[in-house]
Amino acid sequence: MSREDGAREPTYNDYVERIHYSEKYNDDQWEYRHVILPKPMLKLLPENYFDPSEPGVLRILSDQEWRGIGITQSMGWEHYEVHAPEPHILLFRREKDYQKKYQQGQPVAANGSGDKKK
């Protein structure tokens, strides 16, 4: 599909390539970063990714969901906040020093599952 000016419409992959990742910042407990999606990308996301009580505002997405829309980050990040005035900005956090503490990936679950000890 072409526009009248001859330029092609951006594809979903074009938008994924334009996702912006902030520098990391932290407090005593958490490391933070925000991820800025291109605004037109929101129109292409599944309807069930949005908060039914706030039209146009994303709900908190699971790891699988935010990775599935093209956000790429190392292990440990969680989508923890949305800001309704700027719904294209997703706020993420992870435990401070996560990569030093869990060099083999994610922490072991309390029930022992995921334990990689041999």
C-alpha atoms as a PDB file:
ATOM      1  CA  MET A   1       0.000   0.000   0.000  1.00  0.00           C
ATOM      2  CA  SER A   2       1.466   3.345  -1.052  1.00  0.00           C
ATOM      3  CA  ARG A   3       0.731   6.859   0.018  1.00  0.00           C
ATOM      4  CA  GLU A   4      -0.206   9.591  -2.446  1.00  0.00           C
ATOM      5  CA  ASP A   5       3.265  11.144  -2.162  1.00  0.00           C
ATOM      6  CA  GLY A   6       4.826   7.891  -3.416  1.00  0.00           C
ATOM      7  CA  ALA A   7       6.421   6.916  -0.100  1.00  0.00           C
ATOM      8  CA  ARG A   8       5.545   3.484   1.246  1.00  0.00           C
ATOM      9  CA  GLU A   9       3.660   3.061   4.499  1.00  0.00           C
ATOM     10  CA  PRO A  10       5.904   2.000   7.390  1.00  0.00           C
ATOM     11  CA  THR A  11       5.750  -1.683   8.231  1.00  0.00           C
ATOM     12  CA  TYR A  12       5.540  -3.141  11.730  1.00  0.00           C
ATOM     13  CA  ASN A  13       9.246  -4.016  11.488  1.00  0.00           C
ATOM     14  CA  ASP A  14      10.024  -0.390  10.616  1.00  0.00           C
ATOM     15  CA  TYR A  15       8.382   0.622  13.888  1.00  0.00           C
ATOM     16  CA  VAL A  16      10.250  -2.065  15.850  1.00  0.00           C
ATOM     17  CA  GLU A  17      13.533  -0.662  14.523  1.00  0.00           C
ATOM     18  CA  ARG A  18      12.503   2.776  15.826  1.00  0.00           C
ATOM     19  CA  ILE A  19      11.883   1.663  19.433  1.00  0.00           C
ATOM     20  CA  HIS A  20      14.010   3.861  21.714  1.00  0.00           C
ATOM     21  CA  TYR A  21      15.622   2.556  24.919  1.00  0.00           C
ATOM     22  CA  SER A  22      16.600   5.068  27.591  1.00  0.00           C
ATOM     23  CA  GLU A  23      19.780   4.951  29.576  1.00  0.00           C
ATOM     24  CA  LYS A  24      19.426   3.007  32.824  1.00  0.00           C
ATOM     25  CA  TYR A  25      19.032   4.817  36.129  1.00  0.00           C
ATOM     26  CA  ASN A  26      18.593   3.457  39.652  1.00  0.00           C
ATOM     27  CA  ASP A  27      17.739   3.920  43.297  1.00  0.00           C
ATOM     28  CA  ASP A  28      18.795   1.750  46.243  1.00  0.00           C
ATOM     29  CA  GLN A  29      16.593  -1.186  45.228  1.00  0.00           C
ATOM     30  CA  TRP A  30      15.819  -1.011  41.494  1.00  0.00           C
ATOM     31  CA  GLU A  31      17.404  -0.329  38.154  1.00  0.00           C
ATOM     32  CA  TYR A  32      15.030   1.489  35.776  1.00  0.00           C
ATOM     33  CA  ARG A  33      14.680   2.348  32.124  1.00  0.00           C
ATOM     34  CA  HIS A  34      11.916   3.509  29.879  1.00  0.00           C
ATOM     35  CA  VAL A  35      11.146   2.267  26.405  1.00  0.00           C
ATOM     36  CA  ILE A  36       9.541   4.617  23.907  1.00  0.00           C
ATOM     37  CA  LEU A  37       7.439   3.044  21.175  1.00  0.00           C
ATOM     38  CA  PRO A  38       6.768   4.970  17.972  1.00  0.00           C
ATOM     39  CA  LYS A  39       3.275   6.427  18.514  1.00  0.00           C
ATOM     40  CA  PRO A  40       1.777   4.882  15.326  1.00  0.00           C
ATOM     41  CA  MET A  41       2.890   1.452  16.563  1.00  0.00           C
ATOM     42  CA  LEU A  42       0.220   1.551  19.298  1.00  0.00           C
ATOM     43  CA  LYS A  43      -2.477   1.292  16.634  1.00  0.00           C
ATOM     44  CA  LEU A  44      -1.010  -2.048  15.518  1.00  0.00           C
ATOM     45  CA  LEU A  45      -0.922  -3.732  18.933  1.00  0.00           C
ATOM     46  CA  PRO A  46      -3.558  -6.315  19.934  1.00  0.00           C
ATOM     47  CA  GLU A  47      -6.641  -4.769  21.510  1.00  0.00           C
ATOM     48  CA  ASN A  48      -6.300  -6.959  24.605  1.00  0.00           C
ATOM     49  CA  TYR A  49      -2.952  -5.265  25.412  1.00  0.00           C
ATOM     50  CA  PHE A  50      -4.860  -2.125  26.366  1.00  0.00           C
ATOM     51  CA  ASP A  51      -6.503  -1.294  29.688  1.00  0.00           C
ATOM     52  CA  PRO A  52     -10.270  -1.678  29.236  1.00  0.00           C
ATOM     53  CA  SER A  53     -10.891   1.113  31.757  1.00  0.00           C
ATOM     54  CA  GLU A  54      -8.552   3.578  29.969  1.00  0.00           C
ATOM     55  CA  PRO A  55      -8.936   3.451  26.174  1.00  0.00           C
ATOM     56  CA  GLY A  56      -5.644   3.887  24.329  1.00  0.00           C
ATOM     57  CA  VAL A  57      -3.525   3.162  27.420  1.00  0.00           C
ATOM     58  CA  LEU A  58      -1.551  -0.067  27.617  1.00  0.00           C
ATOM     59  CA  ARG A  59      -2.043  -2.343  30.591  1.00  0.00           C
ATOM     60  CA  ILE A  60       0.977  -3.901  32.326  1.00  0.00           C
ATOM     61  CA  LEU A  61       2.425  -6.389  29.840  1.00  0.00           C
ATOM     62  CA  SER A  62       3.997  -9.741  30.692  1.00  0.00           C
ATOM     63  CA  ASP A  63       7.550 -10.552  29.653  1.00  0.00           C
ATOM     64  CA  GLN A  64       6.241 -12.657  26.760  1.00  0.00           C
ATOM     65  CA  GLU A  65       3.906  -9.874  25.600  1.00  0.00           C
ATOM     66  CA  TRP A  66       6.407  -7.023  25.565  1.00  0.00           C
ATOM     67  CA  ARG A  67       9.067  -9.201  23.957  1.00  0.00           C
ATOM     68  CA  GLY A  68       6.440 -10.297  21.427  1.00  0.00           C
ATOM     69  CA  ILE A  69       5.848  -6.736  20.234  1.00  0.00           C
ATOM     70  CA  GLY A  70       9.551  -6.266  19.514  1.00  0.00           C
ATOM     71  CA  ILE A  71      11.051  -4.890  22.728  1.00  0.00           C
ATOM     72  CA  THR A  72      14.436  -6.485  23.342  1.00  0.00           C
ATOM     73  CA  GLN A  73      16.151  -6.302  26.724  1.00  0.00           C
ATOM     74  CA  SER A  74      18.309  -8.576  28.827  1.00  0.00           C
ATOM     75  CA  MET A  75      16.755 -10.830  31.480  1.00  0.00           C
ATOM     76  CA  GLY A  76      15.107  -9.548  34.625  1.00  0.00           C
ATOM     77  CA  TRP A  77      13.207  -6.516  33.347  1.00  0.00           C
ATOM     78  CA  GLU A  78       9.539  -6.140  34.249  1.00  0.00           C
ATOM     79  CA  HIS A  79       7.010  -3.710  32.809  1.00  0.00           C
ATOM     80  CA  TYR A  80       5.729  -2.090  36.003  1.00  0.00           C
ATOM     81  CA  GLU A  81       4.078   1.199  35.096  1.00  0.00           C
ATOM     82  CA  VAL A  82       2.162   3.062  32.431  1.00  0.00           C
ATOM     83  CA  HIS A  83       1.676   6.811  32.208  1.00  0.00           C
ATOM     84  CA  ALA A  84      -1.681   7.642  30.632  1.00  0.00           C
ATOM     85  CA  PRO A  85      -0.654  11.034  29.180  1.00  0.00           C
ATOM     86  CA  GLU A  86       2.142   9.275  27.246  1.00  0.00           C
ATOM     87  CA  PRO A  87       0.890   5.735  26.561  1.00  0.00           C
ATOM     88  CA  HIS A  88       3.724   5.011  24.115  1.00  0.00           C
ATOM     89  CA  ILE A  89       6.262   5.153  26.973  1.00  0.00           C
ATOM     90  CA  LEU A  90       6.634   1.909  28.919  1.00  0.00           C
ATOM     91  CA  LEU A  91       8.411   1.969  32.283  1.00  0.00           C
ATOM     92  CA  PHE A  92      10.574  -1.000  33.232  1.00  0.00           C
ATOM     93  CA  ARG A  93      12.504  -2.001  36.324  1.00  0.00           C
ATOM     94  CA  ARG A  94      14.607  -4.875  37.602  1.00  0.00           C
ATOM     95  CA  GLU A  95      16.388  -5.709  40.811  1.00  0.00           C
ATOM     96  CA  LYS A  96      19.540  -3.628  41.243  1.00  0.00           C
ATOM     97  CA  ASP A  97      22.694  -5.565  40.254  1.00  0.00           C
ATOM     98  CA  TYR A  98      20.500  -8.260  38.681  1.00  0.00           C
ATOM     99  CA  GLN A  99      23.137  -9.384  36.177  1.00  0.00           C
ATOM    100  CA  LYS A 100      25.804  -9.735  38.874  1.00  0.00           C
ATOM    101  CA  LYS A 101      23.467 -11.681  41.170  1.00  0.00           C
ATOM    102  CA  TYR A 102      21.997 -13.984  38.518  1.00  0.00           C
ATOM    103  CA  GLN A 103      24.725 -14.598  35.966  1.00  0.00           C
ATOM    104  CA  GLN A 104      23.005 -17.766  34.764  1.00  0.00           C
ATOM    105  CA  GLY A 105      19.702 -16.020  34.019  1.00  0.00           C
ATOM    106  CA  GLN A 106      16.689 -15.665  36.261  1.00  0.00           C
ATOM    107  CA  PRO A 107      16.543 -16.337  40.002  1.00  0.00           C
ATOM    108  CA  VAL A 108      15.553 -19.832  41.102  1.00  0.00           C
ATOM    109  CA  ALA A 109      11.858 -20.085  41.988  1.00  0.00           C
ATOM    110  CA  ALA A 110      10.993 -20.614  45.650  1.00  0.00           C
ATOM    111  CA  ASN A 111       9.793 -24.170  44.930  1.00  0.00           C
ATOM    112  CA  GLY A 112      13.184 -25.069  43.460  1.00  0.00           C
ATOM    113  CA  SER A 113      12.037 -25.253  39.862  1.00  0.00           C
ATOM    114  CA  GLY A 114      14.470 -23.793  37.424  1.00  0.00           C
ATOM    115  CA  ASP A 115      17.448 -24.818  39.533  1.00  0.00           C
ATOM    116  CA  LYS A 116      20.338 -25.436  37.155  1.00  0.00           C
ATOM    117  CA  LYS A 117      22.690 -27.025  39.693  1.00  0.00           C
ATOM    118  CA  LYS A 118      24.250 -30.312  38.627  1.00  0.00           C
END
